[in-house]
């Protein structure tokens, strides 16, 4: 099934009531109701499809390279891969500040609320 594009970049524009710099993705809070929340189901479907495509299996060699690089930097495969997807570049040893920031976020997520 092909979804119709709703903007020039293939993702629906964020409603005007959202905070500035909001990406228009699906809600992350616990919500009882349809999985797309209170918004447009098409936005949810676009994000769901994009998420699946981003985490689609990569060639074995690429995965092994990322795993080795992440291990050398002290990151998990997922953290390293997310950094590539978000920033569009591979982390280097010289990126110590960003690596420390990722590790600090990891510790904050593990802390019980």
PDB file of N, CA and C in Angstrom:
ATOM      1  N   UNK A   1       0.840  -1.172   0.000  1.00  0.00           N
ATOM      2  CA  UNK A   1       0.000   0.000   0.000  1.00  0.00           C
ATOM      3  C   UNK A   1       0.888   1.240   0.000  1.00  0.00           C
ATOM      4  N   UNK A   2       0.664   2.130  -0.932  1.00  0.00           N
ATOM      5  CA  UNK A   2       1.445   3.368  -0.996  1.00  0.00           C
ATOM      6  C   UNK A   2       0.681   4.476  -0.295  1.00  0.00           C
ATOM      7  N   UNK A   3       1.406   5.231   0.515  1.00  0.00           N
ATOM      8  CA  UNK A   3       0.799   6.364   1.205  1.00  0.00           C
ATOM      9  C   UNK A   3       1.057   7.626   0.410  1.00  0.00           C
ATOM     10  N   UNK A   4       0.086   8.493   0.407  1.00  0.00           N
ATOM     11  CA  UNK A   4       0.199   9.748  -0.316  1.00  0.00           C
ATOM     12  C   UNK A   4       1.045  10.718   0.485  1.00  0.00           C
ATOM     13  N   UNK A   5       1.950  11.419  -0.169  1.00  0.00           N
ATOM     14  CA  UNK A   5       2.760  12.412   0.523  1.00  0.00           C
ATOM     15  C   UNK A   5       1.901  13.618   0.884  1.00  0.00           C
ATOM     16  N   UNK A   6       2.157  14.148   2.085  1.00  0.00           N
ATOM     17  CA  UNK A   6       1.343  15.269   2.546  1.00  0.00           C
ATOM     18  C   UNK A   6       2.124  16.574   2.609  1.00  0.00           C
ATOM     19  N   UNK A   7       3.422  16.531   2.317  1.00  0.00           N
ATOM     20  CA  UNK A   7       4.210  17.755   2.258  1.00  0.00           C
ATOM     21  C   UNK A   7       5.346  17.536   1.279  1.00  0.00           C
ATOM     22  N   UNK A   8       6.193  18.532   1.115  1.00  0.00           N
ATOM     23  CA  UNK A   8       7.257  18.430   0.134  1.00  0.00           C
ATOM     24  C   UNK A   8       8.313  17.406   0.511  1.00  0.00           C
ATOM     25  N   UNK A   9       8.434  17.061   1.781  1.00  0.00           N
ATOM     26  CA  UNK A   9       9.465  16.124   2.206  1.00  0.00           C
ATOM     27  C   UNK A   9       8.901  14.756   2.568  1.00  0.00           C
ATOM     28  N   UNK A  10       7.643  14.490   2.304  1.00  0.00           N
ATOM     29  CA  UNK A  10       7.086  13.172   2.534  1.00  0.00           C
ATOM     30  C   UNK A  10       6.512  12.958   3.914  1.00  0.00           C
ATOM     31  N   UNK A  11       6.652  13.904   4.814  1.00  0.00           N
ATOM     32  CA  UNK A  11       6.074  13.787   6.156  1.00  0.00           C
ATOM     33  C   UNK A  11       5.089  14.934   6.344  1.00  0.00           C
ATOM     34  N   UNK A  12       4.050  14.667   7.087  1.00  0.00           N
ATOM     35  CA  UNK A  12       3.040  15.690   7.308  1.00  0.00           C
ATOM     36  C   UNK A  12       3.612  16.827   8.141  1.00  0.00           C
ATOM     37  N   UNK A  13       3.161  18.034   7.861  1.00  0.00           N
ATOM     38  CA  UNK A  13       3.620  19.188   8.628  1.00  0.00           C
ATOM     39  C   UNK A  13       3.049  19.117  10.039  1.00  0.00           C
ATOM     40  N   UNK A  14       3.827  19.564  11.023  1.00  0.00           N
ATOM     41  CA  UNK A  14       3.385  19.546  12.413  1.00  0.00           C
ATOM     42  C   UNK A  14       2.266  20.561  12.602  1.00  0.00           C
ATOM     43  N   UNK A  15       1.224  20.203  13.356  1.00  0.00           N
ATOM     44  CA  UNK A  15       0.153  21.153  13.619  1.00  0.00           C
ATOM     45  C   UNK A  15       0.700  22.401  14.321  1.00  0.00           C
ATOM     46  N   UNK A  16       0.077  23.564  14.114  1.00  0.00           N
ATOM     47  CA  UNK A  16       0.600  24.805  14.680  1.00  0.00           C
ATOM     48  C   UNK A  16       0.608  24.843  16.204  1.00  0.00           C
ATOM     49  N   UNK A  17      -0.194  24.001  16.886  1.00  0.00           N
ATOM     50  CA  UNK A  17      -0.234  24.043  18.349  1.00  0.00           C
ATOM     51  C   UNK A  17       0.930  23.295  18.993  1.00  0.00           C
ATOM     52  N   UNK A  18       1.790  22.634  18.198  1.00  0.00           N
ATOM     53  CA  UNK A  18       2.940  21.926  18.753  1.00  0.00           C
ATOM     54  C   UNK A  18       4.059  22.907  19.072  1.00  0.00           C
ATOM     55  N   UNK A  19       4.883  22.534  20.028  1.00  0.00           N
ATOM     56  CA  UNK A  19       6.002  23.379  20.435  1.00  0.00           C
ATOM     57  C   UNK A  19       6.962  23.583  19.266  1.00  0.00           C
ATOM     58  N   UNK A  20       7.682  24.706  19.258  1.00  0.00           N
ATOM     59  CA  UNK A  20       8.667  24.920  18.191  1.00  0.00           C
ATOM     60  C   UNK A  20       9.677  23.778  18.164  1.00  0.00           C
ATOM     61  N   UNK A  21      10.138  23.415  16.986  1.00  0.00           N
ATOM     62  CA  UNK A  21      11.116  22.358  16.751  1.00  0.00           C
ATOM     63  C   UNK A  21      10.559  20.970  17.027  1.00  0.00           C
ATOM     64  N   UNK A  22       9.251  20.822  17.219  1.00  0.00           N
ATOM     65  CA  UNK A  22       8.656  19.505  17.386  1.00  0.00           C
ATOM     66  C   UNK A  22       8.674  18.810  16.040  1.00  0.00           C
ATOM     67  N   UNK A  23       9.020  17.529  16.025  1.00  0.00           N
ATOM     68  CA  UNK A  23       9.174  16.831  14.751  1.00  0.00           C
ATOM     69  C   UNK A  23       7.874  16.263  14.196  1.00  0.00           C
ATOM     70  N   UNK A  24       6.765  16.393  14.904  1.00  0.00           N
ATOM     71  CA  UNK A  24       5.492  15.930  14.389  1.00  0.00           C
ATOM     72  C   UNK A  24       5.312  14.427  14.435  1.00  0.00           C
ATOM     73  N   UNK A  25       6.196  13.726  15.139  1.00  0.00           N
ATOM     74  CA  UNK A  25       6.098  12.274  15.240  1.00  0.00           C
ATOM     75  C   UNK A  25       4.968  11.850  16.163  1.00  0.00           C
ATOM     76  N   UNK A  26       4.766  10.552  16.302  1.00  0.00           N
ATOM     77  CA  UNK A  26       3.687  10.068  17.151  1.00  0.00           C
ATOM     78  C   UNK A  26       3.962  10.395  18.620  1.00  0.00           C
ATOM     79  N   UNK A  27       2.916  10.459  19.439  1.00  0.00           N
ATOM     80  CA  UNK A  27       3.103  10.795  20.851  1.00  0.00           C
ATOM     81  C   UNK A  27       3.896   9.716  21.575  1.00  0.00           C
ATOM     82  N   UNK A  28       4.652  10.120  22.604  1.00  0.00           N
ATOM     83  CA  UNK A  28       5.452   9.144  23.330  1.00  0.00           C
ATOM     84  C   UNK A  28       4.900   8.858  24.715  1.00  0.00           C
ATOM     85  N   UNK A  29       3.948   9.636  25.177  1.00  0.00           N
ATOM     86  CA  UNK A  29       3.385   9.388  26.505  1.00  0.00           C
ATOM     87  C   UNK A  29       2.413   8.206  26.449  1.00  0.00           C
ATOM     88  N   UNK A  30       2.119   7.627  27.597  1.00  0.00           N
ATOM     89  CA  UNK A  30       1.138   6.545  27.641  1.00  0.00           C
ATOM     90  C   UNK A  30      -0.220   7.137  27.331  1.00  0.00           C
ATOM     91  N   UNK A  31      -0.875   6.562  26.360  1.00  0.00           N
ATOM     92  CA  UNK A  31      -2.162   7.079  25.908  1.00  0.00           C
ATOM     93  C   UNK A  31      -3.050   5.893  25.613  1.00  0.00           C
ATOM     94  N   UNK A  32      -4.210   5.884  26.212  1.00  0.00           N
ATOM     95  CA  UNK A  32      -5.159   4.814  25.928  1.00  0.00           C
ATOM     96  C   UNK A  32      -6.030   5.257  24.777  1.00  0.00           C
ATOM     97  N   UNK A  33      -5.927   4.578  23.711  1.00  0.00           N
ATOM     98  CA  UNK A  33      -6.662   4.924  22.506  1.00  0.00           C
ATOM     99  C   UNK A  33      -5.921   4.362  21.311  1.00  0.00           C
ATOM    100  N   UNK A  34      -6.193   4.884  20.131  1.00  0.00           N
ATOM    101  CA  UNK A  34      -5.509   4.360  18.953  1.00  0.00           C
ATOM    102  C   UNK A  34      -4.005   4.627  19.048  1.00  0.00           C
ATOM    103  N   UNK A  35      -3.189   3.793  18.421  1.00  0.00           N
ATOM    104  CA  UNK A  35      -1.735   3.934  18.557  1.00  0.00           C
ATOM    105  C   UNK A  35      -1.201   5.263  18.040  1.00  0.00           C
ATOM    106  N   UNK A  36      -1.926   5.951  17.184  1.00  0.00           N
ATOM    107  CA  UNK A  36      -1.448   7.226  16.650  1.00  0.00           C
ATOM    108  C   UNK A  36      -1.825   8.399  17.539  1.00  0.00           C
ATOM    109  N   UNK A  37      -2.462   8.133  18.677  1.00  0.00           N
ATOM    110  CA  UNK A  37      -2.799   9.211  19.600  1.00  0.00           C
ATOM    111  C   UNK A  37      -4.015   9.985  19.135  1.00  0.00           C
ATOM    112  N   UNK A  38      -3.989  11.265  19.419  1.00  0.00           N
ATOM    113  CA  UNK A  38      -5.134  12.113  19.090  1.00  0.00           C
ATOM    114  C   UNK A  38      -5.001  12.752  17.720  1.00  0.00           C
ATOM    115  N   UNK A  39      -3.833  12.597  17.103  1.00  0.00           N
ATOM    116  CA  UNK A  39      -3.564  13.278  15.838  1.00  0.00           C
ATOM    117  C   UNK A  39      -3.985  12.485  14.620  1.00  0.00           C
ATOM    118  N   UNK A  40      -3.415  12.864  13.518  1.00  0.00           N
ATOM    119  CA  UNK A  40      -3.700  12.292  12.212  1.00  0.00           C
ATOM    120  C   UNK A  40      -3.053  10.909  12.095  1.00  0.00           C
ATOM    121  N   UNK A  41      -3.819   9.869  11.762  1.00  0.00           N
ATOM    122  CA  UNK A  41      -3.228   8.531  11.634  1.00  0.00           C
ATOM    123  C   UNK A  41      -2.195   8.446  10.512  1.00  0.00           C
ATOM    124  N   UNK A  42      -2.290   9.300   9.504  1.00  0.00           N
ATOM    125  CA  UNK A  42      -1.331   9.258   8.406  1.00  0.00           C
ATOM    126  C   UNK A  42       0.072   9.626   8.877  1.00  0.00           C
ATOM    127  N   UNK A  43       0.164  10.582   9.804  1.00  0.00           N
ATOM    128  CA  UNK A  43       1.469  10.961  10.352  1.00  0.00           C
ATOM    129  C   UNK A  43       2.071   9.757  11.064  1.00  0.00           C
ATOM    130  N   UNK A  44       1.266   9.070  11.855  1.00  0.00           N
ATOM    131  CA  UNK A  44       1.737   7.880  12.568  1.00  0.00           C
ATOM    132  C   UNK A  44       2.231   6.827  11.592  1.00  0.00           C
ATOM    133  N   UNK A  45       1.475   6.590  10.534  1.00  0.00           N
ATOM    134  CA  UNK A  45       1.857   5.565   9.562  1.00  0.00           C
ATOM    135  C   UNK A  45       3.158   5.928   8.847  1.00  0.00           C
ATOM    136  N   UNK A  46       3.343   7.228   8.533  1.00  0.00           N
ATOM    137  CA  UNK A  46       4.594   7.664   7.908  1.00  0.00           C
ATOM    138  C   UNK A  46       5.774   7.407   8.836  1.00  0.00           C
ATOM    139  N   UNK A  47       5.617   7.767  10.108  1.00  0.00           N
ATOM    140  CA  UNK A  47       6.696   7.567  11.072  1.00  0.00           C
ATOM    141  C   UNK A  47       6.957   6.091  11.317  1.00  0.00           C
ATOM    142  N   UNK A  48       5.922   5.299  11.362  1.00  0.00           N
ATOM    143  CA  UNK A  48       6.087   3.865  11.575  1.00  0.00           C
ATOM    144  C   UNK A  48       6.872   3.245  10.416  1.00  0.00           C
ATOM    145  N   UNK A  49       6.524   3.638   9.208  1.00  0.00           N
ATOM    146  CA  UNK A  49       7.210   3.114   8.034  1.00  0.00           C
ATOM    147  C   UNK A  49       8.673   3.575   7.997  1.00  0.00           C
ATOM    148  N   UNK A  50       8.909   4.837   8.335  1.00  0.00           N
ATOM    149  CA  UNK A  50      10.271   5.364   8.354  1.00  0.00           C
ATOM    150  C   UNK A  50      11.115   4.660   9.420  1.00  0.00           C
ATOM    151  N   UNK A  51      10.517   4.387  10.572  1.00  0.00           N
ATOM    152  CA  UNK A  51      11.237   3.702  11.656  1.00  0.00           C
ATOM    153  C   UNK A  51      11.629   2.298  11.218  1.00  0.00           C
ATOM    154  N   UNK A  52      10.696   1.588  10.602  1.00  0.00           N
ATOM    155  CA  UNK A  52      10.989   0.238  10.123  1.00  0.00           C
ATOM    156  C   UNK A  52      12.115   0.251   9.092  1.00  0.00           C
ATOM    157  N   UNK A  53      12.066   1.218   8.176  1.00  0.00           N
ATOM    158  CA  UNK A  53      13.091   1.305   7.131  1.00  0.00           C
ATOM    159  C   UNK A  53      14.459   1.625   7.722  1.00  0.00           C
ATOM    160  N   UNK A  54      14.485   2.480   8.753  1.00  0.00           N
ATOM    161  CA  UNK A  54      15.757   2.877   9.366  1.00  0.00           C
ATOM    162  C   UNK A  54      16.418   1.714  10.088  1.00  0.00           C
ATOM    163  N   UNK A  55      15.633   0.848  10.698  1.00  0.00           N
ATOM    164  CA  UNK A  55      16.189  -0.274  11.455  1.00  0.00           C
ATOM    165  C   UNK A  55      16.193  -1.568  10.664  1.00  0.00           C
ATOM    166  N   UNK A  56      15.869  -1.484   9.376  1.00  0.00           N
ATOM    167  CA  UNK A  56      15.897  -2.664   8.530  1.00  0.00           C
ATOM    168  C   UNK A  56      17.299  -3.262   8.583  1.00  0.00           C
ATOM    169  N   UNK A  57      17.374  -4.562   8.454  1.00  0.00           N
ATOM    170  CA  UNK A  57      18.677  -5.214   8.597  1.00  0.00           C
ATOM    171  C   UNK A  57      19.671  -4.670   7.574  1.00  0.00           C
ATOM    172  N   UNK A  58      20.847  -4.400   8.055  1.00  0.00           N
ATOM    173  CA  UNK A  58      21.924  -3.892   7.208  1.00  0.00           C
ATOM    174  C   UNK A  58      22.826  -5.070   6.832  1.00  0.00           C
ATOM    175  N   UNK A  59      23.667  -4.904   5.841  1.00  0.00           N
ATOM    176  CA  UNK A  59      24.587  -5.990   5.493  1.00  0.00           C
ATOM    177  C   UNK A  59      25.454  -6.390   6.696  1.00  0.00           C
ATOM    178  N   UNK A  60      25.813  -7.642   6.736  1.00  0.00           N
ATOM    179  CA  UNK A  60      26.575  -8.190   7.860  1.00  0.00           C
ATOM    180  C   UNK A  60      27.858  -7.410   8.118  1.00  0.00           C
ATOM    181  N   UNK A  61      28.564  -7.042   7.056  1.00  0.00           N
ATOM    182  CA  UNK A  61      29.830  -6.324   7.191  1.00  0.00           C
ATOM    183  C   UNK A  61      29.618  -4.958   7.848  1.00  0.00           C
ATOM    184  N   UNK A  62      28.537  -4.287   7.471  1.00  0.00           N
ATOM    185  CA  UNK A  62      28.238  -2.977   8.053  1.00  0.00           C
ATOM    186  C   UNK A  62      27.915  -3.126   9.540  1.00  0.00           C
ATOM    187  N   UNK A  63      27.122  -4.142   9.860  1.00  0.00           N
ATOM    188  CA  UNK A  63      26.771  -4.370  11.257  1.00  0.00           C
ATOM    189  C   UNK A  63      28.018  -4.686  12.089  1.00  0.00           C
ATOM    190  N   UNK A  64      28.886  -5.530  11.576  1.00  0.00           N
ATOM    191  CA  UNK A  64      30.110  -5.865  12.301  1.00  0.00           C
ATOM    192  C   UNK A  64      31.013  -4.649  12.475  1.00  0.00           C
ATOM    193  N   UNK A  65      31.103  -3.800  11.441  1.00  0.00           N
ATOM    194  CA  UNK A  65      31.893  -2.575  11.548  1.00  0.00           C
ATOM    195  C   UNK A  65      31.332  -1.674  12.633  1.00  0.00           C
ATOM    196  N   UNK A  66      30.016  -1.480  12.620  1.00  0.00           N
ATOM    197  CA  UNK A  66      29.383  -0.619  13.626  1.00  0.00           C
ATOM    198  C   UNK A  66      29.548  -1.192  15.031  1.00  0.00           C
ATOM    199  N   UNK A  67      29.413  -2.516  15.169  1.00  0.00           N
ATOM    200  CA  UNK A  67      29.563  -3.132  16.488  1.00  0.00           C
ATOM    201  C   UNK A  67      30.984  -2.944  17.021  1.00  0.00           C
ATOM    202  N   UNK A  68      31.979  -3.145  16.173  1.00  0.00           N
ATOM    203  CA  UNK A  68      33.367  -2.978  16.598  1.00  0.00           C
ATOM    204  C   UNK A  68      33.657  -1.521  16.960  1.00  0.00           C
ATOM    205  N   UNK A  69      33.175  -0.604  16.128  1.00  0.00           N
ATOM    206  CA  UNK A  69      33.401   0.825  16.382  1.00  0.00           C
ATOM    207  C   UNK A  69      32.703   1.261  17.667  1.00  0.00           C
ATOM    208  N   UNK A  70      31.471   0.814  17.865  1.00  0.00           N
ATOM    209  CA  UNK A  70      30.726   1.161  19.079  1.00  0.00           C
ATOM    210  C   UNK A  70      31.435   0.611  20.307  1.00  0.00           C
ATOM    211  N   UNK A  71      31.934  -0.605  20.210  1.00  0.00           N
ATOM    212  CA  UNK A  71      32.638  -1.215  21.330  1.00  0.00           C
ATOM    213  C   UNK A  71      33.903  -0.425  21.677  1.00  0.00           C
ATOM    214  N   UNK A  72      34.650   0.003  20.665  1.00  0.00           N
ATOM    215  CA  UNK A  72      35.856   0.796  20.907  1.00  0.00           C
ATOM    216  C   UNK A  72      35.532   2.128  21.582  1.00  0.00           C
ATOM    217  N   UNK A  73      34.363   2.687  21.275  1.00  0.00           N
ATOM    218  CA  UNK A  73      33.970   3.980  21.845  1.00  0.00           C
ATOM    219  C   UNK A  73      33.232   3.835  23.176  1.00  0.00           C
ATOM    220  N   UNK A  74      32.910   2.599  23.568  1.00  0.00           N
ATOM    221  CA  UNK A  74      32.197   2.374  24.813  1.00  0.00           C
ATOM    222  C   UNK A  74      30.698   2.587  24.700  1.00  0.00           C
ATOM    223  N   UNK A  75      30.177   2.455  23.491  1.00  0.00           N
ATOM    224  CA  UNK A  75      28.743   2.630  23.245  1.00  0.00           C
ATOM    225  C   UNK A  75      28.127   1.300  22.849  1.00  0.00           C
ATOM    226  N   UNK A  76      26.808   1.236  22.894  1.00  0.00           N
ATOM    227  CA  UNK A  76      26.113   0.058  22.393  1.00  0.00           C
ATOM    228  C   UNK A  76      25.912   0.212  20.886  1.00  0.00           C
ATOM    229  N   UNK A  77      25.613  -0.900  20.225  1.00  0.00           N
ATOM    230  CA  UNK A  77      25.339  -0.851  18.784  1.00  0.00           C
ATOM    231  C   UNK A  77      24.189   0.108  18.497  1.00  0.00           C
ATOM    232  N   UNK A  78      23.129   0.033  19.306  1.00  0.00           N
ATOM    233  CA  UNK A  78      21.958   0.894  19.086  1.00  0.00           C
ATOM    234  C   UNK A  78      22.322   2.372  19.255  1.00  0.00           C
ATOM    235  N   UNK A  79      23.085   2.698  20.295  1.00  0.00           N
ATOM    236  CA  UNK A  79      23.471   4.103  20.512  1.00  0.00           C
ATOM    237  C   UNK A  79      24.304   4.619  19.340  1.00  0.00           C
ATOM    238  N   UNK A  80      25.228   3.812  18.876  1.00  0.00           N
ATOM    239  CA  UNK A  80      26.089   4.225  17.770  1.00  0.00           C
ATOM    240  C   UNK A  80      25.272   4.386  16.480  1.00  0.00           C
ATOM    241  N   UNK A  81      24.373   3.441  16.216  1.00  0.00           N
ATOM    242  CA  UNK A  81      23.548   3.499  15.016  1.00  0.00           C
ATOM    243  C   UNK A  81      22.597   4.686  15.049  1.00  0.00           C
ATOM    244  N   UNK A  82      22.005   4.952  16.205  1.00  0.00           N
ATOM    245  CA  UNK A  82      21.108   6.112  16.324  1.00  0.00           C
ATOM    246  C   UNK A  82      21.888   7.393  16.057  1.00  0.00           C
ATOM    247  N   UNK A  83      23.094   7.473  16.537  1.00  0.00           N
ATOM    248  CA  UNK A  83      23.925   8.667  16.304  1.00  0.00           C
ATOM    249  C   UNK A  83      24.181   8.850  14.807  1.00  0.00           C
ATOM    250  N   UNK A  84      24.441   7.765  14.102  1.00  0.00           N
ATOM    251  CA  UNK A  84      24.637   7.859  12.649  1.00  0.00           C
ATOM    252  C   UNK A  84      23.357   8.348  11.985  1.00  0.00           C
ATOM    253  N   UNK A  85      22.210   7.797  12.395  1.00  0.00           N
ATOM    254  CA  UNK A  85      20.933   8.184  11.783  1.00  0.00           C
ATOM    255  C   UNK A  85      20.571   9.633  12.106  1.00  0.00           C
ATOM    256  N   UNK A  86      20.819  10.065  13.341  1.00  0.00           N
ATOM    257  CA  UNK A  86      20.432  11.415  13.736  1.00  0.00           C
ATOM    258  C   UNK A  86      21.381  12.476  13.206  1.00  0.00           C
ATOM    259  N   UNK A  87      22.674  12.227  13.258  1.00  0.00           N
ATOM    260  CA  UNK A  87      23.665  13.245  12.906  1.00  0.00           C
ATOM    261  C   UNK A  87      24.231  13.081  11.496  1.00  0.00           C
ATOM    262  N   UNK A  88      24.077  11.883  10.935  1.00  0.00           N
ATOM    263  CA  UNK A  88      24.571  11.660   9.581  1.00  0.00           C
ATOM    264  C   UNK A  88      26.077  11.511   9.496  1.00  0.00           C
ATOM    265  N   UNK A  89      26.724  11.183  10.611  1.00  0.00           N
ATOM    266  CA  UNK A  89      28.171  10.994  10.599  1.00  0.00           C
ATOM    267  C   UNK A  89      28.561   9.939  11.625  1.00  0.00           C
ATOM    268  N   UNK A  90      29.702   9.309  11.389  1.00  0.00           N
ATOM    269  CA  UNK A  90      30.222   8.304  12.312  1.00  0.00           C
ATOM    270  C   UNK A  90      31.013   9.001  13.409  1.00  0.00           C
ATOM    271  N   UNK A  91      30.804   8.579  14.647  1.00  0.00           N
ATOM    272  CA  UNK A  91      31.564   9.140  15.757  1.00  0.00           C
ATOM    273  C   UNK A  91      33.015   8.680  15.686  1.00  0.00           C
ATOM    274  N   UNK A  92      33.916   9.553  16.125  1.00  0.00           N
ATOM    275  CA  UNK A  92      35.337   9.256  16.195  1.00  0.00           C
ATOM    276  C   UNK A  92      35.789   9.395  17.639  1.00  0.00           C
ATOM    277  N   UNK A  93      36.978   8.939  17.937  1.00  0.00           N
ATOM    278  CA  UNK A  93      37.533   9.057  19.287  1.00  0.00           C
ATOM    279  C   UNK A  93      37.617  10.535  19.686  1.00  0.00           C
ATOM    280  N   UNK A  94      37.832  11.412  18.714  1.00  0.00           N
ATOM    281  CA  UNK A  94      37.937  12.847  18.976  1.00  0.00           C
ATOM    282  C   UNK A  94      36.611  13.462  19.434  1.00  0.00           C
ATOM    283  N   UNK A  95      35.508  12.765  19.242  1.00  0.00           N
ATOM    284  CA  UNK A  95      34.186  13.258  19.642  1.00  0.00           C
ATOM    285  C   UNK A  95      33.891  12.889  21.088  1.00  0.00           C
ATOM    286  N   UNK A  96      34.864  13.045  21.959  1.00  0.00           N
ATOM    287  CA  UNK A  96      34.744  12.613  23.356  1.00  0.00           C
ATOM    288  C   UNK A  96      33.581  13.292  24.071  1.00  0.00           C
ATOM    289  N   UNK A  97      33.343  14.572  23.784  1.00  0.00           N
ATOM    290  CA  UNK A  97      32.253  15.293  24.454  1.00  0.00           C
ATOM    291  C   UNK A  97      30.900  14.675  24.098  1.00  0.00           C
ATOM    292  N   UNK A  98      30.681  14.373  22.824  1.00  0.00           N
ATOM    293  CA  UNK A  98      29.411  13.789  22.393  1.00  0.00           C
ATOM    294  C   UNK A  98      29.259  12.380  22.950  1.00  0.00           C
ATOM    295  N   UNK A  99      30.326  11.606  22.988  1.00  0.00           N
ATOM    296  CA  UNK A  99      30.274  10.253  23.538  1.00  0.00           C
ATOM    297  C   UNK A  99      29.916  10.298  25.017  1.00  0.00           C
ATOM    298  N   UNK A 100      30.518  11.243  25.751  1.00  0.00           N
ATOM    299  CA  UNK A 100      30.202  11.397  27.173  1.00  0.00           C
ATOM    300  C   UNK A 100      28.739  11.796  27.360  1.00  0.00           C
ATOM    301  N   UNK A 101      28.223  12.624  26.464  1.00  0.00           N
ATOM    302  CA  UNK A 101      26.819  13.040  26.529  1.00  0.00           C
ATOM    303  C   UNK A 101      25.886  11.843  26.325  1.00  0.00           C
ATOM    304  N   UNK A 102      26.212  10.978  25.380  1.00  0.00           N
ATOM    305  CA  UNK A 102      25.401   9.779  25.120  1.00  0.00           C
ATOM    306  C   UNK A 102      25.414   8.862  26.339  1.00  0.00           C
ATOM    307  N   UNK A 103      26.588   8.688  26.952  1.00  0.00           N
ATOM    308  CA  UNK A 103      26.692   7.834  28.135  1.00  0.00           C
ATOM    309  C   UNK A 103      25.923   8.427  29.307  1.00  0.00           C
ATOM    310  N   UNK A 104      25.932   9.747  29.441  1.00  0.00           N
ATOM    311  CA  UNK A 104      25.173  10.405  30.514  1.00  0.00           C
ATOM    312  C   UNK A 104      23.676  10.191  30.307  1.00  0.00           C
ATOM    313  N   UNK A 105      23.221  10.268  29.068  1.00  0.00           N
ATOM    314  CA  UNK A 105      21.802  10.009  28.771  1.00  0.00           C
ATOM    315  C   UNK A 105      21.442   8.571  29.113  1.00  0.00           C
ATOM    316  N   UNK A 106      22.358   7.655  28.861  1.00  0.00           N
ATOM    317  CA  UNK A 106      22.124   6.241  29.186  1.00  0.00           C
ATOM    318  C   UNK A 106      21.909   6.080  30.688  1.00  0.00           C
ATOM    319  N   UNK A 107      22.747   6.719  31.473  1.00  0.00           N
ATOM    320  CA  UNK A 107      22.604   6.624  32.936  1.00  0.00           C
ATOM    321  C   UNK A 107      21.294   7.235  33.403  1.00  0.00           C
ATOM    322  N   UNK A 108      20.888   8.344  32.802  1.00  0.00           N
ATOM    323  CA  UNK A 108      19.623   8.984  33.193  1.00  0.00           C
ATOM    324  C   UNK A 108      18.426   8.101  32.864  1.00  0.00           C
ATOM    325  N   UNK A 109      18.476   7.390  31.732  1.00  0.00           N
ATOM    326  CA  UNK A 109      17.357   6.521  31.339  1.00  0.00           C
ATOM    327  C   UNK A 109      17.234   5.318  32.256  1.00  0.00           C
ATOM    328  N   UNK A 110      18.349   4.837  32.785  1.00  0.00           N
ATOM    329  CA  UNK A 110      18.323   3.654  33.671  1.00  0.00           C
ATOM    330  C   UNK A 110      17.832   3.984  35.062  1.00  0.00           C
ATOM    331  N   UNK A 111      17.960   5.236  35.487  1.00  0.00           N
ATOM    332  CA  UNK A 111      17.562   5.632  36.830  1.00  0.00           C
ATOM    333  C   UNK A 111      16.057   5.475  37.023  1.00  0.00           C
ATOM    334  N   UNK A 112      15.613   4.808  38.095  1.00  0.00           N
ATOM    335  CA  UNK A 112      14.168   4.650  38.319  1.00  0.00           C
ATOM    336  C   UNK A 112      13.525   5.999  38.626  1.00  0.00           C
ATOM    337  N   UNK A 113      12.308   6.152  38.163  1.00  0.00           N
ATOM    338  CA  UNK A 113      11.589   7.422  38.349  1.00  0.00           C
ATOM    339  C   UNK A 113      10.972   7.552  39.705  1.00  0.00           C
TER     340      UNK A 113
END
